[in-house]
Amino acid sequence: DGCRVPLPWSGKEPPFGFGGEPWLPQPA
């Protein structure tokens, strides 16, 4: 799972433009 965390696209905080609340949390 650690290599599958959703990508950060934009913004200053999660979900970083990914979309909805990611299925795995992104690090701040």
PDB file of all heavy atoms in Angstrom:
ATOM      1  N   ASP A   1       0.811  -1.215   0.000  1.00  0.00           N
ATOM      2  CA  ASP A   1       0.000   0.000   0.000  1.00  0.00           C
ATOM      3  C   ASP A   1       0.845   1.267   0.000  1.00  0.00           C
ATOM      4  O   ASP A   1       0.442   2.301  -0.542  1.00  0.00           O
ATOM      5  CB  ASP A   1      -0.929   0.016   1.216  1.00  0.00           C
ATOM      6  CG  ASP A   1      -2.005  -1.061   1.148  1.00  0.00           C
ATOM      7  OD1 ASP A   1      -2.615  -1.209   0.074  1.00  0.00           O
ATOM      8  OD2 ASP A   1      -2.231  -1.744   2.160  1.00  0.00           O
ATOM      9  N   GLY A   2       2.027   1.222   0.599  1.00  0.00           N
ATOM     10  CA  GLY A   2       2.851   2.420   0.738  1.00  0.00           C
ATOM     11  C   GLY A   2       3.312   3.027  -0.566  1.00  0.00           C
ATOM     12  O   GLY A   2       3.625   4.229  -0.623  1.00  0.00           O
ATOM     13  N   CYS A   3       3.377   2.229  -1.637  1.00  0.00           N
ATOM     14  CA  CYS A   3       3.758   2.770  -2.947  1.00  0.00           C
ATOM     15  C   CYS A   3       2.540   3.104  -3.800  1.00  0.00           C
ATOM     16  O   CYS A   3       2.684   3.522  -4.947  1.00  0.00           O
ATOM     17  CB  CYS A   3       4.671   1.794  -3.695  1.00  0.00           C
ATOM     18  SG  CYS A   3       3.897   0.240  -4.183  1.00  0.00           S
ATOM     19  N   ARG A   4       1.339   2.935  -3.213  1.00  0.00           N
ATOM     20  CA  ARG A   4       0.106   3.110  -3.970  1.00  0.00           C
ATOM     21  C   ARG A   4      -0.721   4.299  -3.495  1.00  0.00           C
ATOM     22  O   ARG A   4      -1.867   4.469  -3.913  1.00  0.00           O
ATOM     23  CB  ARG A   4      -0.732   1.835  -3.876  1.00  0.00           C
ATOM     24  CG  ARG A   4      -0.026   0.604  -4.414  1.00  0.00           C
ATOM     25  CD  ARG A   4      -0.815  -0.669  -4.180  1.00  0.00           C
ATOM     26  NE  ARG A   4      -0.163  -1.828  -4.806  1.00  0.00           N
ATOM     27  CZ  ARG A   4      -0.675  -3.047  -4.838  1.00  0.00           C
ATOM     28  NH1 ARG A   4      -1.849  -3.285  -4.256  1.00  0.00           N
ATOM     29  NH2 ARG A   4      -0.033  -4.045  -5.432  1.00  0.00           N
ATOM     30  N   VAL A   5      -0.163   5.110  -2.627  1.00  0.00           N
ATOM     31  CA  VAL A   5      -0.892   6.261  -2.101  1.00  0.00           C
ATOM     32  C   VAL A   5      -1.199   7.229  -3.244  1.00  0.00           C
ATOM     33  O   VAL A   5      -0.338   7.501  -4.084  1.00  0.00           O
ATOM     34  CB  VAL A   5      -0.073   6.946  -0.994  1.00  0.00           C
ATOM     35  CG1 VAL A   5      -0.740   8.237  -0.537  1.00  0.00           C
ATOM     36  CG2 VAL A   5       0.111   5.994   0.186  1.00  0.00           C
ATOM     37  N   PRO A   6      -2.435   7.750  -3.318  1.00  0.00           N
ATOM     38  CA  PRO A   6      -2.825   8.617  -4.436  1.00  0.00           C
ATOM     39  C   PRO A   6      -1.919   9.831  -4.635  1.00  0.00           C
ATOM     40  O   PRO A   6      -1.347  10.387  -3.687  1.00  0.00           O
ATOM     41  CB  PRO A   6      -4.254   9.032  -4.055  1.00  0.00           C
ATOM     42  CG  PRO A   6      -4.783   7.831  -3.334  1.00  0.00           C
ATOM     43  CD  PRO A   6      -3.609   7.352  -2.511  1.00  0.00           C
ATOM     44  N   LEU A   7      -1.813  10.237  -5.898  1.00  0.00           N
ATOM     45  CA  LEU A   7      -0.887  11.292  -6.300  1.00  0.00           C
ATOM     46  C   LEU A   7      -1.322  12.672  -5.824  1.00  0.00           C
ATOM     47  O   LEU A   7      -2.515  12.968  -5.738  1.00  0.00           O
ATOM     48  CB  LEU A   7      -0.765  11.330  -7.828  1.00  0.00           C
ATOM     49  CG  LEU A   7      -0.147  10.121  -8.525  1.00  0.00           C
ATOM     50  CD1 LEU A   7       0.055  10.434 -10.009  1.00  0.00           C
ATOM     51  CD2 LEU A   7       1.166   9.713  -7.885  1.00  0.00           C
ATOM     52  N   PRO A   8      -0.345  13.538  -5.543  1.00  0.00           N
ATOM     53  CA  PRO A   8      -0.640  14.938  -5.228  1.00  0.00           C
ATOM     54  C   PRO A   8      -0.539  15.824  -6.475  1.00  0.00           C
ATOM     55  O   PRO A   8       0.523  15.901  -7.100  1.00  0.00           O
ATOM     56  CB  PRO A   8       0.446  15.294  -4.208  1.00  0.00           C
ATOM     57  CG  PRO A   8       1.634  14.473  -4.632  1.00  0.00           C
ATOM     58  CD  PRO A   8       1.084  13.221  -5.282  1.00  0.00           C
ATOM     59  N   TRP A   9      -1.619  16.477  -6.833  1.00  0.00           N
ATOM     60  CA  TRP A   9      -1.628  17.288  -8.046  1.00  0.00           C
ATOM     61  C   TRP A   9      -1.474  18.784  -7.769  1.00  0.00           C
ATOM     62  O   TRP A   9      -0.737  19.466  -8.472  1.00  0.00           O
ATOM     63  CB  TRP A   9      -2.924  17.035  -8.834  1.00  0.00           C
ATOM     64  CG  TRP A   9      -2.981  15.664  -9.418  1.00  0.00           C
ATOM     65  CD1 TRP A   9      -3.615  14.567  -8.898  1.00  0.00           C
ATOM     66  CD2 TRP A   9      -2.343  15.217 -10.615  1.00  0.00           C
ATOM     67  NE1 TRP A   9      -3.410  13.477  -9.709  1.00  0.00           N
ATOM     68  CE2 TRP A   9      -2.642  13.838 -10.768  1.00  0.00           C
ATOM     69  CE3 TRP A   9      -1.553  15.848 -11.579  1.00  0.00           C
ATOM     70  CZ2 TRP A   9      -2.170  13.089 -11.846  1.00  0.00           C
ATOM     71  CZ3 TRP A   9      -1.086  15.106 -12.655  1.00  0.00           C
ATOM     72  CH2 TRP A   9      -1.388  13.738 -12.785  1.00  0.00           C
ATOM     73  N   SER A  10      -2.194  19.291  -6.749  1.00  0.00           N
ATOM     74  CA  SER A  10      -2.191  20.741  -6.535  1.00  0.00           C
ATOM     75  C   SER A  10      -2.643  21.058  -5.112  1.00  0.00           C
ATOM     76  O   SER A  10      -3.123  20.180  -4.385  1.00  0.00           O
ATOM     77  CB  SER A  10      -3.124  21.426  -7.538  1.00  0.00           C
ATOM     78  OG  SER A  10      -4.457  20.946  -7.378  1.00  0.00           O
ATOM     79  N   GLY A  11      -2.476  22.307  -4.727  1.00  0.00           N
ATOM     80  CA  GLY A  11      -2.956  22.745  -3.425  1.00  0.00           C
ATOM     81  C   GLY A  11      -1.929  22.555  -2.323  1.00  0.00           C
ATOM     82  O   GLY A  11      -0.849  21.995  -2.522  1.00  0.00           O
ATOM     83  N   LYS A  12      -2.290  23.012  -1.129  1.00  0.00           N
ATOM     84  CA  LYS A  12      -1.385  23.032   0.009  1.00  0.00           C
ATOM     85  C   LYS A  12      -1.649  21.927   1.021  1.00  0.00           C
ATOM     86  O   LYS A  12      -0.873  21.756   1.968  1.00  0.00           O
ATOM     87  CB  LYS A  12      -1.498  24.388   0.722  1.00  0.00           C
ATOM     88  CG  LYS A  12      -1.207  25.592  -0.158  1.00  0.00           C
ATOM     89  CD  LYS A  12       0.252  25.623  -0.617  1.00  0.00           C
ATOM     90  CE  LYS A  12       0.547  26.929  -1.354  1.00  0.00           C
ATOM     91  NZ  LYS A  12       1.937  26.974  -1.848  1.00  0.00           N
ATOM     92  N   GLU A  13      -2.745  21.187   0.866  1.00  0.00           N
ATOM     93  CA  GLU A  13      -3.084  20.152   1.840  1.00  0.00           C
ATOM     94  C   GLU A  13      -3.860  19.042   1.154  1.00  0.00           C
ATOM     95  O   GLU A  13      -4.410  19.233   0.059  1.00  0.00           O
ATOM     96  CB  GLU A  13      -3.889  20.750   2.983  1.00  0.00           C
ATOM     97  CG  GLU A  13      -5.183  21.411   2.553  1.00  0.00           C
ATOM     98  CD  GLU A  13      -5.881  22.133   3.690  1.00  0.00           C
ATOM     99  OE1 GLU A  13      -5.200  22.537   4.657  1.00  0.00           O
ATOM    100  OE2 GLU A  13      -7.126  22.294   3.609  1.00  0.00           O
ATOM    101  N   PRO A  14      -3.898  17.834   1.779  1.00  0.00           N
ATOM    102  CA  PRO A  14      -4.650  16.733   1.184  1.00  0.00           C
ATOM    103  C   PRO A  14      -6.105  17.154   0.958  1.00  0.00           C
ATOM    104  O   PRO A  14      -6.648  17.933   1.742  1.00  0.00           O
ATOM    105  CB  PRO A  14      -4.541  15.625   2.237  1.00  0.00           C
ATOM    106  CG  PRO A  14      -3.282  15.954   2.998  1.00  0.00           C
ATOM    107  CD  PRO A  14      -3.240  17.461   3.033  1.00  0.00           C
ATOM    108  N   PRO A  15      -6.736  16.688  -0.139  1.00  0.00           N
ATOM    109  CA  PRO A  15      -6.264  15.620  -1.039  1.00  0.00           C
ATOM    110  C   PRO A  15      -5.412  16.096  -2.208  1.00  0.00           C
ATOM    111  O   PRO A  15      -5.245  15.370  -3.167  1.00  0.00           O
ATOM    112  CB  PRO A  15      -7.580  15.020  -1.542  1.00  0.00           C
ATOM    113  CG  PRO A  15      -8.525  16.191  -1.597  1.00  0.00           C
ATOM    114  CD  PRO A  15      -8.165  17.037  -0.404  1.00  0.00           C
ATOM    115  N   PHE A  16      -4.876  17.305  -2.148  1.00  0.00           N
ATOM    116  CA  PHE A  16      -3.923  17.784  -3.152  1.00  0.00           C
ATOM    117  C   PHE A  16      -4.442  17.659  -4.589  1.00  0.00           C
ATOM    118  O   PHE A  16      -3.718  17.257  -5.500  1.00  0.00           O
ATOM    119  CB  PHE A  16      -2.587  17.044  -3.027  1.00  0.00           C
ATOM    120  CG  PHE A  16      -1.852  17.277  -1.743  1.00  0.00           C
ATOM    121  CD1 PHE A  16      -1.534  16.216  -0.914  1.00  0.00           C
ATOM    122  CD2 PHE A  16      -1.484  18.558  -1.352  1.00  0.00           C
ATOM    123  CE1 PHE A  16      -0.851  16.410   0.279  1.00  0.00           C
ATOM    124  CE2 PHE A  16      -0.798  18.776  -0.165  1.00  0.00           C
ATOM    125  CZ  PHE A  16      -0.485  17.703   0.661  1.00  0.00           C
ATOM    126  N   GLY A  17      -5.722  17.992  -4.773  1.00  0.00           N
ATOM    127  CA  GLY A  17      -6.279  17.978  -6.115  1.00  0.00           C
ATOM    128  C   GLY A  17      -6.570  16.610  -6.675  1.00  0.00           C
ATOM    129  O   GLY A  17      -6.928  16.486  -7.854  1.00  0.00           O
ATOM    130  N   PHE A  18      -6.431  15.573  -5.840  1.00  0.00           N
ATOM    131  CA  PHE A  18      -6.696  14.212  -6.329  1.00  0.00           C
ATOM    132  C   PHE A  18      -8.171  14.018  -6.643  1.00  0.00           C
ATOM    133  O   PHE A  18      -8.526  13.317  -7.586  1.00  0.00           O
ATOM    134  CB  PHE A  18      -6.238  13.199  -5.277  1.00  0.00           C
ATOM    135  CG  PHE A  18      -6.631  11.777  -5.581  1.00  0.00           C
ATOM    136  CD1 PHE A  18      -5.986  11.063  -6.577  1.00  0.00           C
ATOM    137  CD2 PHE A  18      -7.657  11.153  -4.869  1.00  0.00           C
ATOM    138  CE1 PHE A  18      -6.350   9.748  -6.867  1.00  0.00           C
ATOM    139  CE2 PHE A  18      -8.029   9.846  -5.153  1.00  0.00           C
ATOM    140  CZ  PHE A  18      -7.371   9.142  -6.151  1.00  0.00           C
ATOM    141  N   GLY A  19      -9.054  14.604  -5.849  1.00  0.00           N
ATOM    142  CA  GLY A  19     -10.495  14.420  -5.995  1.00  0.00           C
ATOM    143  C   GLY A  19     -11.130  14.353  -4.623  1.00  0.00           C
ATOM    144  O   GLY A  19     -10.926  15.240  -3.791  1.00  0.00           O
ATOM    145  N   GLY A  20     -11.895  13.277  -4.358  1.00  0.00           N
ATOM    146  CA  GLY A  20     -12.478  13.083  -3.038  1.00  0.00           C
ATOM    147  C   GLY A  20     -11.436  12.640  -2.030  1.00  0.00           C
ATOM    148  O   GLY A  20     -10.240  12.565  -2.330  1.00  0.00           O
ATOM    149  N   GLU A  21     -11.884  12.352  -0.815  1.00  0.00           N
ATOM    150  CA  GLU A  21     -10.960  11.880   0.213  1.00  0.00           C
ATOM    151  C   GLU A  21     -10.306  10.592  -0.260  1.00  0.00           C
ATOM    152  O   GLU A  21     -10.984   9.588  -0.484  1.00  0.00           O
ATOM    153  CB  GLU A  21     -11.705  11.643   1.529  1.00  0.00           C
ATOM    154  CG  GLU A  21     -10.791  11.194   2.654  1.00  0.00           C
ATOM    155  CD  GLU A  21     -11.519  11.013   3.977  1.00  0.00           C
ATOM    156  OE1 GLU A  21     -12.713  11.383   4.044  1.00  0.00           O
ATOM    157  OE2 GLU A  21     -10.907  10.484   4.927  1.00  0.00           O
ATOM    158  N   PRO A  22      -8.989  10.556  -0.420  1.00  0.00           N
ATOM    159  CA  PRO A  22      -8.328   9.412  -1.053  1.00  0.00           C
ATOM    160  C   PRO A  22      -8.513   8.120  -0.269  1.00  0.00           C
ATOM    161  O   PRO A  22      -8.607   8.122   0.961  1.00  0.00           O
ATOM    162  CB  PRO A  22      -6.857   9.822  -1.089  1.00  0.00           C
ATOM    163  CG  PRO A  22      -6.867  11.308  -0.982  1.00  0.00           C
ATOM    164  CD  PRO A  22      -8.040  11.635  -0.114  1.00  0.00           C
ATOM    165  N   TRP A  23      -8.525   7.019  -0.989  1.00  0.00           N
ATOM    166  CA  TRP A  23      -8.726   5.701  -0.371  1.00  0.00           C
ATOM    167  C   TRP A  23      -7.568   5.329   0.560  1.00  0.00           C
ATOM    168  O   TRP A  23      -7.735   4.510   1.467  1.00  0.00           O
ATOM    169  CB  TRP A  23      -8.932   4.634  -1.443  1.00  0.00           C
ATOM    170  CG  TRP A  23      -7.760   4.370  -2.343  1.00  0.00           C
ATOM    171  CD1 TRP A  23      -7.363   5.119  -3.408  1.00  0.00           C
ATOM    172  CD2 TRP A  23      -6.845   3.277  -2.262  1.00  0.00           C
ATOM    173  NE1 TRP A  23      -6.242   4.560  -3.993  1.00  0.00           N
ATOM    174  CE2 TRP A  23      -5.911   3.430  -3.319  1.00  0.00           C
ATOM    175  CE3 TRP A  23      -6.722   2.176  -1.410  1.00  0.00           C
ATOM    176  CZ2 TRP A  23      -4.869   2.524  -3.534  1.00  0.00           C
ATOM    177  CZ3 TRP A  23      -5.682   1.275  -1.631  1.00  0.00           C
ATOM    178  CH2 TRP A  23      -4.776   1.451  -2.677  1.00  0.00           C
ATOM    179  N   LEU A  24      -6.399   5.919   0.344  1.00  0.00           N
ATOM    180  CA  LEU A  24      -5.284   5.869   1.287  1.00  0.00           C
ATOM    181  C   LEU A  24      -4.855   7.307   1.554  1.00  0.00           C
ATOM    182  O   LEU A  24      -4.786   8.116   0.620  1.00  0.00           O
ATOM    183  CB  LEU A  24      -4.102   5.068   0.723  1.00  0.00           C
ATOM    184  CG  LEU A  24      -4.258   3.551   0.636  1.00  0.00           C
ATOM    185  CD1 LEU A  24      -3.072   2.951  -0.116  1.00  0.00           C
ATOM    186  CD2 LEU A  24      -4.397   2.914   2.017  1.00  0.00           C
ATOM    187  N   PRO A  25      -4.544   7.658   2.803  1.00  0.00           N
ATOM    188  CA  PRO A  25      -4.233   9.054   3.119  1.00  0.00           C
ATOM    189  C   PRO A  25      -2.875   9.498   2.602  1.00  0.00           C
ATOM    190  O   PRO A  25      -1.898   8.756   2.653  1.00  0.00           O
ATOM    191  CB  PRO A  25      -4.275   9.076   4.653  1.00  0.00           C
ATOM    192  CG  PRO A  25      -3.957   7.670   5.065  1.00  0.00           C
ATOM    193  CD  PRO A  25      -4.559   6.789   4.003  1.00  0.00           C
ATOM    194  N   GLN A  26      -2.820  10.735   2.117  1.00  0.00           N
ATOM    195  CA  GLN A  26      -1.575  11.331   1.641  1.00  0.00           C
ATOM    196  C   GLN A  26      -0.895  12.076   2.787  1.00  0.00           C
ATOM    197  O   GLN A  26      -1.569  12.736   3.589  1.00  0.00           O
ATOM    198  CB  GLN A  26      -1.871  12.316   0.502  1.00  0.00           C
ATOM    199  CG  GLN A  26      -2.604  11.717  -0.678  1.00  0.00           C
ATOM    200  CD  GLN A  26      -3.394  12.788  -1.425  1.00  0.00           C
ATOM    201  OE1 GLN A  26      -4.161  13.528  -0.820  1.00  0.00           O
ATOM    202  NE2 GLN A  26      -3.201  12.860  -2.733  1.00  0.00           N
ATOM    203  N   PRO A  27       0.420  12.021   2.868  1.00  0.00           N
ATOM    204  CA  PRO A  27       1.120  12.790   3.904  1.00  0.00           C
ATOM    205  C   PRO A  27       0.992  14.296   3.658  1.00  0.00           C
ATOM    206  O   PRO A  27       1.098  14.753   2.513  1.00  0.00           O
ATOM    207  CB  PRO A  27       2.577  12.349   3.776  1.00  0.00           C
ATOM    208  CG  PRO A  27       2.559  11.120   2.918  1.00  0.00           C
ATOM    209  CD  PRO A  27       1.350  11.220   2.055  1.00  0.00           C
ATOM    210  N   ALA A  28       0.800  15.054   4.722  1.00  0.00           N
ATOM    211  CA  ALA A  28       0.774  16.512   4.588  1.00  0.00           C
ATOM    212  C   ALA A  28       2.095  17.040   4.048  1.00  0.00           C
ATOM    213  O   ALA A  28       2.146  18.097   3.412  1.00  0.00           O
ATOM    214  CB  ALA A  28       0.445  17.149   5.934  1.00  0.00           C
TER     215      ALA A  28
END
